[in-house]
Amino acid sequence: MGQMTAFGRGAAATFVTAVFLAACATTSGAPPVPTVVSNPTTHPTEPTEPPVPSATPTPNPDEPPPAGAQGQFKTDFSRHTVPYSDILSGGPPKDGIPAIDAPRFVTVEEADAWLEPVEPVISFQLGDDARAYPIQILMWHEIVNDTVDDMPVIVTFCPLCNTAIAFERTIDGQPTTFGTTGRLRFSNLIMYDRATETWWQQATGEAIAGEYTGKQLTFLPASIIAWADFKTAHPNGRVLSRDTGHARDYGRNPYAGYDDVNNPPFLYRGPETPGVLPAVARVLTIDLNGEAVAYPYDVLQEVKVVNDTAGETDVVVVWAAGTASALDRGTVAGGRDVGAANAFAREIDGQTLTFTFDGSRIVDAETGSEWNVLGTAISGPLAGKSLTPVVAINHFWFSWAAFKPETRIYQP
């Protein structure tokens, strides 16, 4: 399929059908590809003023829940922190996009037979337990209920927002599992827990409707990196198997062309996106101690390294080429190179480091050690040491700005 420009009104219905069939397919056949028409009027404007917070309507306690919700979910829908009018159907019903509840894993050597070096995976590590969750699998399931280093966790991915986020899945001291509601808010995945069937916003980790309304899941650091980077860093790591119990066309991208920066987001109905960045611009986001910061990929690609302070924490954001976009072409591995970005605390062993890019390497000014995109020193006096990761999440700008309109956008 050729390069896409912008989703038109007529294409939206086709896209809904395509994604629904892709998500709910029971065979491994290729899903239909969305038809797209050009609509130049949807190109974002680029004013210079900073984003202005939008008022969030106060939920009406008497507002009925979304159509069909009470028939599918058993929870207290009288409790909610967002207007139900913000919630849309994404096409598939409850669990129409099936979460992986009993994940199986293979070795790096076994996974190397079907993963390309540039292919994006979600890298997640607790203790010495490092795992890769290929986007080619998460694209079709969106949630993996797992236990890593004895901690119950969920690893999640929302294709429409490009958000890979990990959380603890213990609530009030009790572990639970999560599934997909089939609903979206601001184009973002709404999950539900299977203990109370409360609805949770993936982008924020907040319970927005149901018994647990107002509670917050605990974020855990996870990043999108190239398969080549993961296997180099973790040769003994474990990789989510394609043996999921579901027949899906793993490796194919049913959202081909979605991340064209000229496209408006799909099924987005929310606050107007501040035009300082295009709506579908890639950003790495940090929210520390009440300060939200977005680091545009376009900027990171130019500077490679950013020394910054976010929420009174000294951080470094690093970018390296070599990771394909999962949402560009018809295959996950075939997308253009968008690189990978990660963020870490700059303090190690009581010393705050200052990082630079010397034209070919990331080095710190204090010791001259060389560092990789995973925050590990690979040569020099600090070789073998690792920086502490901070929770930093890939988003499209529209997705982050909808939830954090007060965000500071980093500029060199």
Protein backbone atom coordinates (compact mmCIF):
# COMPACT_ATOMS: atom_id res chain seq x y z
CA MET A 1 0.00 0.00 0.00
CA GLY A 2 1.29 3.50 -0.83
CA GLN A 3 2.08 6.25 1.62
CA MET A 4 -1.05 7.67 3.25
CA THR A 5 -1.82 11.32 3.78
CA ALA A 6 -4.85 11.98 5.97
CA PHE A 7 -7.90 10.05 7.14
CA GLY A 8 -11.09 11.38 5.60
CA ARG A 9 -14.60 10.95 6.94
CA GLY A 10 -15.40 8.25 4.43
CA ALA A 11 -12.27 6.32 5.33
CA ALA A 12 -13.06 6.29 9.05
CA ALA A 13 -15.85 3.73 8.74
CA THR A 14 -13.64 1.56 6.56
CA PHE A 15 -10.83 1.79 9.12
CA VAL A 16 -13.18 0.78 11.96
CA THR A 17 -14.25 -2.29 10.00
CA ALA A 18 -10.67 -3.19 9.08
CA VAL A 19 -9.37 -2.93 12.63
CA PHE A 20 -12.37 -4.81 14.03
CA LEU A 21 -11.85 -7.68 11.62
CA ALA A 22 -8.11 -7.64 12.20
CA ALA A 23 -8.47 -7.74 15.97
CA CYS A 24 -11.17 -10.40 16.04
CA ALA A 25 -9.84 -12.62 13.25
CA THR A 26 -9.81 -16.33 14.05
CA THR A 27 -7.49 -17.32 11.22
CA SER A 28 -3.99 -16.28 10.34
CA GLY A 29 -5.06 -14.72 7.05
CA ALA A 30 -4.08 -11.13 6.33
CA PRO A 31 -6.61 -8.61 7.63
CA PRO A 32 -8.14 -6.05 5.30
CA VAL A 33 -6.11 -2.88 4.87
CA PRO A 34 -7.85 0.44 5.65
CA THR A 35 -8.82 2.57 2.67
CA VAL A 36 -7.65 6.14 3.07
CA VAL A 37 -8.51 9.33 1.23
CA SER A 38 -6.67 12.61 1.21
CA ASN A 39 -8.03 15.46 3.31
CA PRO A 40 -5.51 18.31 3.40
CA THR A 41 -7.72 20.43 5.64
CA THR A 42 -6.89 18.20 8.60
CA HIS A 43 -3.17 19.13 8.62
CA PRO A 44 -2.37 20.58 12.06
CA THR A 45 -1.57 24.23 12.44
CA GLU A 46 1.67 25.32 14.06
CA PRO A 47 1.17 28.37 16.28
CA THR A 48 4.02 29.38 18.54
CA GLU A 49 2.08 29.80 21.77
CA PRO A 50 2.48 27.13 24.48
CA PRO A 51 -0.31 24.63 25.14
CA VAL A 52 -3.21 25.93 27.20
CA PRO A 53 -4.97 23.58 29.62
CA SER A 54 -8.50 22.68 28.59
CA ALA A 55 -11.27 22.52 31.16
CA THR A 56 -12.44 18.97 31.81
CA PRO A 57 -16.22 18.78 32.13
CA THR A 58 -17.47 17.70 35.54
CA PRO A 59 -18.99 14.22 35.26
CA ASN A 60 -22.76 14.09 35.70
CA PRO A 61 -23.53 11.42 38.34
CA ASP A 62 -26.84 10.74 36.62
CA GLU A 63 -25.27 10.27 33.17
CA PRO A 64 -25.97 6.75 31.87
CA PRO A 65 -22.94 4.60 31.02
CA PRO A 66 -21.99 3.99 27.38
CA ALA A 67 -24.45 1.93 25.39
CA GLY A 68 -24.14 -1.78 26.09
CA ALA A 69 -21.76 -1.35 29.03
CA GLN A 70 -24.14 -2.55 31.73
CA GLY A 71 -24.96 -5.66 29.73
CA GLN A 72 -21.30 -6.61 29.35
CA PHE A 73 -19.74 -5.45 32.63
CA LYS A 74 -20.70 -5.96 36.26
CA THR A 75 -19.42 -2.91 38.11
CA ASP A 76 -20.78 0.25 39.71
CA PHE A 77 -21.16 2.61 36.75
CA SER A 78 -22.68 5.29 39.00
CA ARG A 79 -19.07 6.02 40.00
CA HIS A 80 -16.99 7.72 37.32
CA THR A 81 -14.49 10.55 37.08
CA VAL A 82 -14.90 11.35 33.38
CA PRO A 83 -17.98 12.17 31.30
CA TYR A 84 -19.28 9.06 29.61
CA SER A 85 -19.74 11.16 26.48
CA ASP A 86 -15.92 11.08 26.15
CA ILE A 87 -15.94 7.30 25.71
CA LEU A 88 -16.39 5.78 22.26
CA SER A 89 -16.62 2.25 20.94
CA GLY A 90 -13.45 1.20 19.15
CA GLY A 91 -15.29 -1.52 17.19
CA PRO A 92 -14.45 -4.80 18.97
CA PRO A 93 -16.62 -5.79 21.97
CA LYS A 94 -15.38 -6.67 25.46
CA ASP A 95 -12.35 -8.97 25.03
CA GLY A 96 -12.78 -8.80 21.25
CA ILE A 97 -9.09 -7.98 21.33
CA PRO A 98 -8.01 -10.85 23.60
CA ALA A 99 -5.46 -10.20 26.34
CA ILE A 100 -2.74 -12.82 26.83
CA ASP A 101 -3.37 -14.39 30.23
CA ALA A 102 -0.94 -17.33 30.15
CA PRO A 103 2.10 -15.95 28.31
CA ARG A 104 4.72 -18.37 27.08
CA PHE A 105 8.33 -17.37 26.48
CA VAL A 106 11.16 -18.51 24.25
CA THR A 107 14.89 -17.91 24.28
CA VAL A 108 16.58 -15.07 22.43
CA GLU A 109 18.05 -17.60 20.02
CA GLU A 110 14.61 -19.05 19.23
CA ALA A 111 13.00 -15.62 18.78
CA ASP A 112 15.82 -14.50 16.50
CA ALA A 113 14.39 -16.81 13.84
CA TRP A 114 11.29 -14.61 13.44
CA LEU A 115 12.29 -11.15 14.71
CA GLU A 116 14.20 -8.71 12.48
CA PRO A 117 17.07 -6.67 13.99
CA VAL A 118 15.22 -3.33 13.60
CA GLU A 119 11.87 -4.67 14.79
CA PRO A 120 10.41 -2.86 17.83
CA VAL A 121 9.92 -4.76 21.08
CA ILE A 122 8.85 -3.63 24.54
CA SER A 123 11.80 -4.11 26.87
CA PHE A 124 10.90 -4.71 30.52
CA GLN A 125 13.11 -5.79 33.38
CA LEU A 126 12.70 -6.41 37.10
CA GLY A 127 15.78 -7.57 38.97
CA ASP A 128 17.66 -9.96 36.72
CA ASP A 129 14.52 -10.96 34.82
CA ALA A 130 14.63 -9.19 31.43
CA ARG A 131 11.83 -9.81 28.95
CA ALA A 132 10.97 -8.65 25.44
CA TYR A 133 7.36 -8.32 24.30
CA PRO A 134 7.37 -7.97 20.50
CA ILE A 135 5.08 -5.26 19.18
CA GLN A 136 4.10 -7.66 16.39
CA ILE A 137 2.26 -9.66 19.09
CA LEU A 138 1.04 -6.81 21.31
CA MET A 139 -0.44 -5.18 18.20
CA TRP A 140 -3.12 -7.88 18.23
CA HIS A 141 -3.60 -8.38 21.99
CA GLU A 142 -2.77 -5.03 23.64
CA ILE A 143 -2.43 -6.55 27.14
CA VAL A 144 -0.18 -9.25 28.59
CA ASN A 145 -0.90 -10.38 32.16
CA ASP A 146 2.44 -11.60 33.44
CA THR A 147 4.53 -12.21 36.55
CA VAL A 148 8.12 -10.93 36.38
CA ASP A 149 10.62 -11.47 39.19
CA ASP A 150 7.64 -12.61 41.32
CA MET A 151 5.74 -9.34 40.74
CA PRO A 152 2.29 -9.47 39.07
CA VAL A 153 2.44 -7.00 36.17
CA ILE A 154 0.67 -6.03 32.97
CA VAL A 155 2.48 -4.96 29.84
CA THR A 156 0.20 -2.96 27.55
CA PHE A 157 0.29 -1.39 24.10
CA CYS A 158 -2.24 0.94 22.47
CA PRO A 159 -1.57 1.11 18.71
CA LEU A 160 -3.66 4.24 18.22
CA CYS A 161 -1.49 6.22 20.67
CA ASN A 162 1.80 4.29 20.26
CA THR A 163 1.87 3.84 24.04
CA ALA A 164 3.74 0.90 25.58
CA ILE A 165 3.16 1.00 29.34
CA ALA A 166 3.81 -1.47 32.17
CA PHE A 167 2.00 -1.45 35.52
CA GLU A 168 1.79 -3.46 38.68
CA ARG A 169 -1.49 -5.39 38.58
CA THR A 170 -2.03 -5.50 42.32
CA ILE A 171 -4.86 -3.34 43.66
CA ASP A 172 -5.48 -2.92 47.39
CA GLY A 173 -3.02 -5.73 48.02
CA GLN A 174 -4.75 -8.19 45.71
CA PRO A 175 -3.42 -9.20 42.28
CA THR A 176 -5.88 -9.26 39.41
CA THR A 177 -5.75 -9.58 35.64
CA PHE A 178 -6.88 -7.17 32.96
CA GLY A 179 -8.76 -7.33 29.67
CA THR A 180 -9.82 -4.94 26.91
CA THR A 181 -13.17 -3.15 27.10
CA GLY A 182 -13.40 -2.40 23.38
CA ARG A 183 -13.81 1.28 24.32
CA LEU A 184 -11.58 4.28 23.76
CA ARG A 185 -11.21 7.68 25.36
CA PHE A 186 -9.20 10.26 23.44
CA SER A 187 -8.29 7.34 21.11
CA ASN A 188 -6.63 5.58 24.05
CA LEU A 189 -7.21 2.03 25.25
CA ILE A 190 -9.60 1.56 28.16
CA MET A 191 -8.82 -1.63 30.10
CA TYR A 192 -10.84 -3.38 32.78
CA ASP A 193 -9.75 -5.40 35.80
CA ARG A 194 -11.30 -8.81 36.24
CA ALA A 195 -11.74 -8.45 40.00
CA THR A 196 -14.37 -5.68 39.84
CA GLU A 197 -14.61 -4.93 36.08
CA THR A 198 -13.66 -1.32 36.77
CA TRP A 199 -12.56 0.62 33.67
CA TRP A 200 -8.97 1.93 33.59
CA GLN A 201 -7.35 4.47 31.25
CA GLN A 202 -4.14 3.01 29.84
CA ALA A 203 -2.41 6.36 29.27
CA THR A 204 -2.80 7.50 32.87
CA GLY A 205 -3.26 4.26 34.82
CA GLU A 206 -6.35 5.78 36.46
CA ALA A 207 -9.61 4.01 37.26
CA ILE A 208 -12.22 6.15 35.48
CA ALA A 209 -15.46 4.18 35.95
CA GLY A 210 -16.64 1.45 38.31
CA GLU A 211 -15.97 0.22 41.81
CA TYR A 212 -12.27 1.25 41.92
CA THR A 213 -12.92 4.72 40.48
CA GLY A 214 -10.22 7.18 41.56
CA LYS A 215 -7.52 4.58 42.21
CA GLN A 216 -4.17 4.66 40.44
CA LEU A 217 -2.07 1.82 39.05
CA THR A 218 1.67 1.93 39.73
CA PHE A 219 3.75 2.62 36.62
CA LEU A 220 6.87 0.56 35.93
CA PRO A 221 9.65 1.54 33.50
CA ALA A 222 9.33 -0.05 30.06
CA SER A 223 10.68 1.07 26.70
CA ILE A 224 10.30 0.45 22.98
CA ILE A 225 13.67 -0.55 21.51
CA ALA A 226 15.00 -2.52 18.54
CA TRP A 227 15.22 -6.27 18.81
CA ALA A 228 18.94 -6.03 18.03
CA ASP A 229 19.46 -3.81 21.08
CA PHE A 230 17.53 -6.12 23.37
CA LYS A 231 19.31 -9.30 22.34
CA THR A 232 22.71 -7.62 22.64
CA ALA A 233 21.94 -6.34 26.13
CA HIS A 234 20.10 -9.45 27.33
CA PRO A 235 21.39 -12.58 25.54
CA ASN A 236 19.79 -14.70 28.26
CA GLY A 237 16.54 -12.75 28.28
CA ARG A 238 13.11 -14.21 27.62
CA VAL A 239 10.88 -13.31 24.68
CA LEU A 240 7.08 -13.52 24.50
CA SER A 241 6.20 -16.44 22.24
CA ARG A 242 3.90 -16.26 19.25
CA ASP A 243 2.32 -19.41 20.66
CA THR A 244 -0.48 -17.42 22.29
CA GLY A 245 -3.40 -19.76 21.80
CA HIS A 246 -4.81 -17.37 19.18
CA ALA A 247 -4.45 -17.48 15.41
CA ARG A 248 -3.21 -14.06 14.32
CA ASP A 249 -1.10 -12.80 11.45
CA TYR A 250 1.81 -11.80 13.68
CA GLY A 251 4.23 -9.53 11.91
CA ARG A 252 1.57 -7.79 9.86
CA ASN A 253 0.53 -4.24 10.72
CA PRO A 254 -3.23 -3.65 10.24
CA TYR A 255 -2.69 0.09 10.89
CA ALA A 256 -0.38 0.72 7.91
CA GLY A 257 0.34 4.41 7.41
CA TYR A 258 -1.28 5.45 10.66
CA ASP A 259 1.74 7.34 11.97
CA ASP A 260 2.09 9.65 8.96
CA VAL A 261 2.59 12.98 10.73
CA ASN A 262 0.01 14.57 8.40
CA ASN A 263 -2.75 12.22 9.59
CA PRO A 264 -5.29 13.25 12.20
CA PRO A 265 -5.67 10.66 14.99
CA PHE A 266 -8.31 7.98 14.53
CA LEU A 267 -11.51 8.12 16.62
CA TYR A 268 -10.21 11.10 18.57
CA ARG A 269 -12.86 13.19 20.26
CA GLY A 270 -11.38 15.32 23.00
CA PRO A 271 -9.60 18.58 23.77
CA GLU A 272 -8.17 20.42 20.80
CA THR A 273 -4.55 19.35 20.40
CA PRO A 274 -2.14 22.26 20.98
CA GLY A 275 -0.65 23.03 17.58
CA VAL A 276 2.92 23.55 18.76
CA LEU A 277 3.54 20.02 17.44
CA PRO A 278 1.67 18.01 14.79
CA ALA A 279 -0.97 15.80 16.40
CA VAL A 280 0.81 12.56 15.43
CA ALA A 281 4.32 13.76 16.25
CA ARG A 282 6.26 11.23 18.32
CA VAL A 283 7.29 12.34 21.79
CA LEU A 284 8.96 10.69 24.76
CA THR A 285 7.16 11.83 27.89
CA ILE A 286 8.11 12.11 31.56
CA ASP A 287 5.85 13.04 34.47
CA LEU A 288 7.90 13.46 37.66
CA ASN A 289 6.80 15.12 40.90
CA GLY A 290 4.07 17.11 39.20
CA GLU A 291 6.07 18.26 36.16
CA ALA A 292 5.23 16.83 32.74
CA VAL A 293 7.76 17.13 29.92
CA ALA A 294 7.61 15.99 26.29
CA TYR A 295 10.76 15.41 24.25
CA PRO A 296 9.93 15.48 20.51
CA TYR A 297 11.59 12.72 18.52
CA ASP A 298 12.48 15.24 15.81
CA VAL A 299 14.54 17.16 18.36
CA LEU A 300 16.07 14.04 19.89
CA GLN A 301 17.13 12.81 16.46
CA GLU A 302 19.10 16.03 16.01
CA VAL A 303 20.73 16.33 19.44
CA LYS A 304 20.94 12.62 20.42
CA VAL A 305 21.36 13.48 24.14
CA VAL A 306 19.45 15.83 26.46
CA ASN A 307 20.56 16.73 29.99
CA ASP A 308 17.51 18.10 31.78
CA THR A 309 15.79 18.49 35.12
CA ALA A 310 12.21 17.27 35.40
CA GLY A 311 10.31 17.45 38.67
CA GLU A 312 13.54 18.40 40.47
CA THR A 313 15.16 15.19 39.19
CA ASP A 314 18.27 15.39 37.00
CA VAL A 315 17.55 13.22 33.96
CA VAL A 316 19.18 12.31 30.69
CA VAL A 317 17.19 11.45 27.57
CA VAL A 318 19.06 9.50 24.90
CA TRP A 319 18.10 8.65 21.33
CA ALA A 320 19.66 6.17 18.91
CA ALA A 321 18.78 5.17 15.37
CA GLY A 322 17.90 1.62 14.37
CA THR A 323 14.31 0.99 15.50
CA ALA A 324 11.52 0.65 12.95
CA SER A 325 8.11 2.27 13.29
CA ALA A 326 5.53 -0.45 13.99
CA LEU A 327 2.75 1.63 12.42
CA ASP A 328 4.26 2.72 9.11
CA ARG A 329 4.19 -0.09 6.56
CA GLY A 330 2.27 -3.32 6.05
CA THR A 331 4.71 -5.22 8.25
CA VAL A 332 5.91 -4.25 11.71
CA ALA A 333 9.56 -4.82 10.78
CA GLY A 334 9.29 -2.94 7.49
CA GLY A 335 8.60 0.52 8.90
CA ARG A 336 10.89 3.50 8.50
CA ASP A 337 13.62 4.06 11.07
CA VAL A 338 12.27 6.30 13.85
CA GLY A 339 14.91 5.36 16.41
CA ALA A 340 14.43 4.68 20.11
CA ALA A 341 14.50 7.03 23.10
CA ASN A 342 14.89 6.32 26.80
CA ALA A 343 15.24 8.39 29.96
CA PHE A 344 17.30 7.82 33.09
CA ALA A 345 18.27 9.54 36.31
CA ARG A 346 21.71 11.14 35.85
CA GLU A 347 22.96 10.31 39.32
CA ILE A 348 25.02 7.19 39.83
CA ASP A 349 27.08 6.28 42.90
CA GLY A 350 26.35 9.70 44.36
CA GLN A 351 27.66 11.58 41.31
CA THR A 352 25.55 13.52 38.81
CA LEU A 353 26.81 12.94 35.28
CA THR A 354 26.63 15.21 32.25
CA PHE A 355 26.23 13.42 28.93
CA THR A 356 27.24 14.43 25.43
CA PHE A 357 27.22 12.97 21.95
CA ASP A 358 30.69 13.14 20.44
CA GLY A 359 29.59 12.42 16.88
CA SER A 360 29.48 8.66 17.22
CA ARG A 361 29.13 7.82 20.92
CA ILE A 362 27.24 8.86 24.04
CA VAL A 363 29.80 9.69 26.74
CA ASP A 364 29.74 11.34 30.14
CA ALA A 365 31.96 14.37 30.74
CA GLU A 366 32.95 13.32 34.25
CA THR A 367 34.54 9.91 33.53
CA GLY A 368 34.59 9.59 29.73
CA SER A 369 32.63 6.33 29.92
CA GLU A 370 30.59 5.33 26.85
CA TRP A 371 26.88 4.55 27.27
CA ASN A 372 24.26 2.79 25.16
CA VAL A 373 20.59 3.62 24.61
CA LEU A 374 19.66 1.27 27.49
CA GLY A 375 21.59 3.38 30.01
CA THR A 376 24.45 0.93 30.48
CA ALA A 377 28.12 1.93 30.37
CA ILE A 378 29.79 -0.24 27.76
CA SER A 379 33.35 1.05 28.14
CA GLY A 380 35.41 3.31 30.36
CA PRO A 381 35.74 3.59 34.15
CA LEU A 382 32.02 2.94 34.71
CA ALA A 383 31.78 -0.03 32.33
CA GLY A 384 29.07 -2.46 33.44
CA LYS A 385 27.19 0.05 35.56
CA SER A 386 23.64 1.06 34.68
CA LEU A 387 21.68 4.25 35.16
CA THR A 388 18.34 4.05 36.96
CA PRO A 389 15.49 4.25 34.44
CA VAL A 390 12.65 6.67 34.99
CA VAL A 391 9.14 6.02 33.72
CA ALA A 392 9.24 7.51 30.23
CA ILE A 393 6.53 6.68 27.72
CA ASN A 394 6.29 7.01 23.96
CA HIS A 395 3.18 8.87 22.85
CA PHE A 396 1.80 10.65 19.87
CA TRP A 397 1.55 14.32 20.84
CA PHE A 398 -2.26 14.39 20.65
CA SER A 399 -2.51 11.51 23.12
CA TRP A 400 -0.20 13.00 25.73
CA ALA A 401 -1.57 16.55 25.36
CA ALA A 402 -5.14 15.35 25.88
CA PHE A 403 -4.24 14.10 29.35
CA LYS A 404 -1.40 16.51 30.22
CA PRO A 405 -2.13 19.85 28.48
CA GLU A 406 0.19 21.69 30.90
CA THR A 407 3.22 19.82 29.51
CA ARG A 408 6.52 21.60 28.94
CA ILE A 409 7.85 20.79 25.49
CA TYR A 410 11.62 20.48 25.49
CA GLN A 411 13.51 22.72 23.10
CA PRO A 412 17.35 22.88 22.93
